[in-house]
Protein backbone atom coordinates (compact mmCIF):
# COMPACT_ATOMS: atom_id res chain seq x y z
CA MET A 1 10.88 38.90 -2.16
CA ILE A 2 11.62 36.45 -5.02
CA LYS A 3 11.23 37.49 -8.68
CA SER A 4 10.10 35.24 -11.57
CA MET A 5 12.43 34.95 -14.71
CA THR A 6 9.76 35.47 -17.11
CA GLY A 7 8.32 38.81 -18.15
CA PHE A 8 7.66 41.45 -20.64
CA GLY A 9 8.47 45.28 -20.69
CA ARG A 10 8.10 48.12 -23.16
CA GLY A 11 9.56 51.47 -22.95
CA GLU A 12 9.22 54.48 -25.46
CA TYR A 13 10.90 57.83 -25.92
CA MET A 14 9.53 60.34 -28.45
CA ASP A 15 10.33 64.01 -29.42
CA ASN A 16 10.17 66.15 -32.61
CA GLU A 17 12.89 64.25 -34.18
CA TYR A 18 12.88 60.66 -32.83
CA ARG A 19 10.79 57.74 -31.57
CA LEU A 20 12.61 54.91 -29.84
CA ILE A 21 10.79 51.78 -28.84
CA VAL A 22 12.30 49.25 -26.63
CA GLU A 23 10.85 45.81 -25.98
CA ILE A 24 12.34 43.31 -23.73
CA LYS A 25 11.18 39.80 -23.18
CA ALA A 26 12.61 37.39 -20.53
CA VAL A 27 12.16 33.45 -20.05
CA ASN A 28 13.76 31.03 -17.95
CA HIS A 29 17.37 30.27 -18.37
CA ARG A 30 20.36 28.90 -16.08
CA TYR A 31 22.47 31.77 -16.88
CA ASN A 32 22.13 35.45 -17.84
CA GLU A 33 21.85 35.55 -21.64
CA ILE A 34 21.06 38.90 -23.26
CA VAL A 35 20.42 38.83 -27.00
CA ILE A 36 20.06 42.48 -28.64
CA ARG A 37 18.26 43.18 -31.97
CA MET A 38 18.49 46.72 -33.19
CA PRO A 39 19.05 48.89 -36.22
CA LYS A 40 22.75 48.77 -37.35
CA ASN A 41 23.37 52.39 -36.88
CA LEU A 42 22.77 51.87 -33.02
CA GLY A 43 25.59 49.32 -32.88
CA PRO A 44 27.85 51.57 -30.81
CA LEU A 45 25.47 51.57 -28.15
CA GLU A 46 25.17 47.70 -27.53
CA ASP A 47 27.67 47.70 -24.80
CA LYS A 48 25.79 50.58 -22.91
CA ILE A 49 22.28 48.66 -23.47
CA ARG A 50 23.75 45.37 -22.25
CA ARG A 51 25.01 46.98 -19.07
CA SER A 52 21.88 48.67 -18.20
CA VAL A 53 19.86 45.76 -18.81
CA SER A 54 22.16 43.23 -16.94
CA SER A 55 22.48 45.58 -14.00
CA ALA A 56 18.44 44.99 -13.18
CA LEU A 57 18.09 41.49 -14.62
CA VAL A 58 20.49 39.18 -13.27
CA ARG A 59 19.28 35.78 -14.67
CA GLY A 60 17.34 34.50 -17.67
CA ARG A 61 17.33 34.45 -21.28
CA ILE A 62 16.76 38.13 -22.18
CA ASP A 63 15.66 39.43 -25.77
CA VAL A 64 15.87 43.07 -26.31
CA PHE A 65 14.36 44.49 -29.59
CA ILE A 66 14.72 48.23 -30.39
CA THR A 67 13.21 50.34 -33.27
CA ILE A 68 13.81 53.77 -34.12
CA ASP A 69 11.65 56.17 -36.28
CA GLU A 70 13.04 59.52 -37.45
CA TYR A 71 10.62 62.58 -37.65
CA GLY A 72 12.79 65.59 -38.30
CA GLU A 73 14.25 66.74 -41.67
CA LYS A 74 16.86 64.29 -42.87
CA LYS A 75 20.30 65.80 -43.23
CA ARG A 76 22.01 65.30 -46.47
CA ALA A 77 25.57 65.60 -47.82
CA VAL A 78 27.12 65.62 -51.36
CA ARG A 79 30.20 63.86 -51.57
CA ILE A 80 32.71 64.00 -54.59
CA ASP A 81 35.03 61.34 -55.46
CA LYS A 82 37.91 63.37 -56.44
CA GLU A 83 39.99 60.70 -57.66
CA LEU A 84 37.39 59.42 -60.02
CA ALA A 85 36.65 62.85 -61.39
CA VAL A 86 40.39 63.35 -62.19
CA ALA A 87 40.47 59.97 -63.71
CA TYR A 88 37.22 60.82 -66.03
CA ASN A 89 39.04 64.21 -66.77
CA LYS A 90 42.32 62.49 -68.07
CA ALA A 91 40.12 60.20 -70.12
CA LEU A 92 38.56 63.26 -71.81
CA ASP A 93 41.97 64.78 -72.50
CA GLU A 94 43.04 61.48 -74.09
CA LEU A 95 39.82 61.45 -76.22
CA SER A 96 40.10 64.99 -77.20
CA GLU A 97 43.58 64.61 -78.09
CA LEU A 98 42.89 61.42 -80.13
CA PHE A 99 40.07 62.98 -82.07
CA ALA A 100 41.52 66.45 -82.15
CA MET A 101 38.26 67.83 -80.78
CA PRO A 102 37.54 69.90 -77.83
CA VAL A 103 35.43 68.59 -74.89
CA LYS A 104 32.57 71.20 -74.46
CA ASP A 105 31.08 71.70 -70.87
CA ARG A 106 33.80 69.45 -69.37
CA ILE A 107 32.98 69.87 -65.67
CA TYR A 108 29.21 69.41 -66.26
CA GLN A 109 30.13 66.37 -68.52
CA ILE A 110 32.27 64.63 -65.67
CA ALA A 111 29.65 65.54 -63.01
CA LYS A 112 27.12 63.35 -64.78
CA TYR A 113 29.41 60.13 -64.83
CA PRO A 114 28.39 57.51 -62.24
CA ASP A 115 29.69 57.91 -58.74
CA VAL A 116 31.55 61.08 -59.22
CA ILE A 117 28.97 63.09 -57.38
CA ARG A 118 26.81 61.44 -54.61
CA ALA A 119 24.05 62.59 -52.36
CA GLU A 120 24.18 60.64 -48.85
CA GLU A 121 22.07 60.94 -45.70
CA VAL A 122 24.06 62.09 -42.76
CA THR A 123 23.40 59.73 -39.84
CA GLU A 124 23.57 61.30 -36.45
CA ASP A 125 26.33 59.97 -34.01
CA ALA A 126 24.57 56.98 -32.27
CA LEU A 127 26.30 58.20 -28.81
CA SER A 128 24.31 61.44 -29.03
CA LEU A 129 21.12 59.35 -29.10
CA TRP A 130 22.08 57.39 -25.82
CA PRO A 131 20.38 59.86 -23.29
CA LYS A 132 17.19 59.32 -25.28
CA LEU A 133 17.56 55.66 -25.58
CA SER A 134 18.50 54.91 -22.23
CA GLN A 135 15.17 56.42 -21.10
CA ALA A 136 13.30 54.03 -23.10
CA VAL A 137 15.56 51.21 -22.00
CA SER A 138 14.74 52.18 -18.17
CA ILE A 139 11.22 52.32 -18.67
CA ALA A 140 11.09 48.68 -20.45
CA VAL A 141 13.30 47.42 -17.58
CA ASN A 142 11.08 48.65 -15.04
CA ASN A 143 7.94 47.34 -16.60
CA LEU A 144 9.63 44.00 -16.95
CA MET A 145 10.59 44.03 -13.44
CA GLN A 146 7.24 44.90 -12.13
CA MET A 147 5.81 41.79 -14.06
CA ARG A 148 8.63 39.58 -12.58
CA ILE A 149 7.76 40.76 -9.09
CA THR A 150 4.14 40.15 -9.50
CA GLU A 151 4.66 36.66 -10.87
CA GLY A 152 7.45 36.12 -8.14
CA LEU A 153 4.88 36.74 -5.43
CA ASN A 154 2.58 34.23 -6.71
CA ILE A 155 5.42 31.77 -6.98
CA GLN A 156 6.43 32.70 -3.42
CA GLN A 157 3.01 32.13 -2.06
CA ASP A 158 2.75 28.65 -3.76
CA LEU A 159 6.09 27.75 -2.46
CA ILE A 160 5.27 28.63 1.03
CA ALA A 161 2.04 26.61 0.91
CA ARG A 162 3.99 23.56 -0.40
CA ILE A 163 6.66 23.86 2.03
CA ALA A 164 3.97 23.98 4.74
CA VAL A 165 2.57 20.71 3.46
CA ILE A 166 6.08 19.13 3.58
CA GLU A 167 6.55 20.22 7.11
CA SER A 168 3.13 18.59 8.08
CA TYR A 169 4.45 15.36 6.62
CA ILE A 170 7.61 15.49 8.41
CA ASN A 171 5.79 16.04 11.81
CA SER A 172 3.73 12.88 10.74
CA VAL A 173 7.10 11.09 10.21
CA GLU A 174 8.41 12.25 13.51
CA GLU A 175 5.29 11.16 15.37
CA ARG A 176 5.39 7.64 13.58
CA ALA A 177 8.98 6.88 14.24
CA PRO A 178 8.67 5.84 17.88
CA GLN A 179 5.87 3.68 17.10
CA VAL A 180 7.68 1.88 14.53
CA LEU A 181 10.28 0.51 17.04
CA VAL A 182 7.40 -0.48 19.57
CA GLU A 183 5.67 -2.36 16.79
CA TYR A 184 9.03 -4.20 15.67
CA ARG A 185 9.56 -5.09 19.32
CA GLU A 186 5.90 -6.53 19.67
CA LYS A 187 6.41 -8.38 16.24
CA ILE A 188 9.69 -9.84 17.12
CA LEU A 189 8.30 -10.77 20.66
CA GLY A 190 5.22 -12.45 18.87
CA ARG A 191 7.23 -14.66 16.60
CA MET A 192 9.72 -15.60 19.44
CA ARG A 193 6.68 -16.72 21.54
CA ASP A 194 5.10 -18.55 18.75
CA LEU A 195 8.33 -20.50 17.84
CA LEU A 196 9.44 -21.15 21.53
CA GLY A 197 6.05 -22.13 22.47
CA MET A 198 6.20 -25.13 20.37
CA ILE A 199 8.86 -26.53 22.60
CA GLY A 200 7.65 -25.09 25.89
CA GLU A 201 10.32 -22.31 26.07
CA GLU A 202 9.81 -18.69 27.08
CA PRO A 203 11.47 -15.83 25.11
CA ASP A 204 14.70 -14.60 26.09
CA VAL A 205 14.08 -11.10 27.22
CA GLY A 206 17.93 -10.07 26.91
CA ARG A 207 18.03 -11.22 23.26
CA LEU A 208 14.82 -9.38 22.64
CA VAL A 209 16.29 -6.21 24.05
CA GLN A 210 19.27 -6.68 21.97
CA GLU A 211 17.47 -7.20 18.67
CA ALA A 212 15.33 -4.09 19.20
CA ALA A 213 18.56 -1.96 19.85
CA ILE A 214 20.17 -3.15 16.63
CA PHE A 215 16.77 -2.31 14.73
CA ALA A 216 16.51 1.19 16.62
CA ASP A 217 20.05 1.83 15.52
CA LYS A 218 19.62 1.00 11.92
CA THR A 219 16.23 2.82 11.55
CA ASN A 220 17.06 5.96 13.53
CA ILE A 221 16.17 8.81 11.50
CA THR A 222 16.38 11.62 14.09
CA GLU A 223 19.45 13.27 12.37
CA GLU A 224 17.81 13.31 8.98
CA LEU A 225 14.82 14.83 10.48
CA VAL A 226 16.82 17.65 12.17
CA ARG A 227 18.71 18.35 8.94
CA LEU A 228 15.54 18.38 6.92
CA LYS A 229 13.82 20.82 9.25
CA SER A 230 17.14 22.87 8.94
CA HIS A 231 16.99 22.90 5.19
CA LEU A 232 13.20 23.93 5.30
CA ALA A 233 13.98 26.74 7.59
CA GLN A 234 16.81 27.90 5.23
CA PHE A 235 14.24 27.76 2.39
CA HIS A 236 11.87 29.86 4.07
CA THR A 237 14.55 32.43 4.82
CA ALA A 238 15.74 32.44 1.23
CA LEU A 239 12.21 33.08 -0.10
CA HIS A 240 12.35 36.60 1.72
CA ILE A 241 15.68 37.81 0.56
CA ASP A 242 15.72 40.64 -1.81
CA GLU A 243 18.09 39.17 -4.34
CA ALA A 244 18.45 36.46 -6.96
CA VAL A 245 18.14 33.23 -5.11
CA GLY A 246 16.85 30.78 -7.72
CA ARG A 247 20.35 28.80 -7.72
CA LYS A 248 20.44 28.89 -3.84
CA LEU A 249 16.69 27.41 -3.63
CA ASP A 250 17.59 24.71 -6.04
CA PHE A 251 20.54 23.50 -4.08
CA ILE A 252 18.50 23.60 -0.84
CA VAL A 253 15.77 21.52 -2.59
CA GLN A 254 18.44 18.93 -3.63
CA GLU A 255 19.45 18.63 0.03
CA ILE A 256 15.75 18.34 1.06
CA ASN A 257 15.45 15.61 -1.40
CA ARG A 258 18.54 13.70 -0.40
CA GLU A 259 17.53 13.78 3.24
CA THR A 260 14.17 12.44 2.33
CA ASN A 261 15.63 9.53 0.21
CA THR A 262 17.69 8.57 3.42
CA ILE A 263 14.70 8.64 5.60
CA ALA A 264 12.80 6.47 3.07
CA SER A 265 15.74 3.88 2.97
CA LYS A 266 16.15 3.81 6.72
CA ALA A 267 12.59 3.96 8.19
CA ASN A 268 11.77 0.29 7.16
CA ASP A 269 8.06 0.98 7.78
CA PHE A 270 5.12 0.87 5.38
CA THR A 271 3.35 4.09 6.56
CA VAL A 272 6.53 6.18 6.81
CA ALA A 273 7.32 4.89 3.15
CA ASN A 274 3.82 6.16 2.17
CA ILE A 275 4.54 9.64 3.59
CA VAL A 276 7.74 9.85 2.09
CA VAL A 277 6.23 9.46 -1.46
CA GLU A 278 3.82 12.26 -0.61
CA ILE A 279 6.74 14.37 0.45
CA LYS A 280 8.73 13.62 -2.85
CA SER A 281 5.74 14.54 -4.89
CA GLU A 282 5.58 18.00 -3.19
CA ILE A 283 9.48 18.41 -3.63
CA GLU A 284 9.10 17.72 -7.37
CA LYS A 285 6.34 20.53 -7.58
CA VAL A 286 8.68 22.79 -5.69
CA ARG A 287 11.57 22.03 -8.01
CA GLU A 288 9.50 23.01 -11.02
CA GLN A 289 8.32 26.11 -9.48
CA ILE A 290 11.75 27.37 -8.58
CA GLN A 291 13.13 26.66 -12.22
CA ASN A 292 11.43 29.99 -12.97
CA VAL A 293 12.93 31.95 -9.96
CA GLU A 294 15.55 34.46 -10.62
């Protein structure tokens, strides 16, 4: 079953301490491009997030948005800049000596100076959050995949219908091809009779057969029709493969278009030319659809 490249998925993990929300948006792209936007403290988890997403989403422009809320009591630590405290203490000694005055409550005084004592929040190791975050990522990916599968089913049904239309046109070309030769033979014969009738001569049947044979060889589209049917059969098969087939379908459509162009140039028939125009119109619609296939 084919999958669409577009979709959206949301996943959430919540406990007494954290709420982690993951939102993934995917759109058409020739390759697999993953862009992750998340809080700076989750940076060490980027590679894990990328591998988790890319293992399920093979192709497309994929934007991952991650937010985190903390509900538990924040842990804090007091940091002392010992080198700065020593420098302040030395400066106080120099002032005490300079003015011949003792410095009272020295420790308290130094502690009040800027940056000697700082209270900092203790951030939990990002790797310890991965078991929680991975659950939210998995839920978001699964939800996005379901949307891709649903949209892919709609695309698949549309492609099957359009390929059926192309096949009906090909059948019409196949039915028309023998008649083209008959009409050409009659046309040449009519012209020869008109021209030779002016001088009282009969057409040369041998020459007529020769001209018809040359025309038949130039306008023979049997090989092109066989290859075209083969490409359409491959397209049908690819539609039911459970893997990323967007690039494969695109290649097959190029080959279908190539054979159709060859038929148009060789057929030398107004009716066939009109049918080819309809085929190419359907091919373009198919091409537009598969641009959204993973």
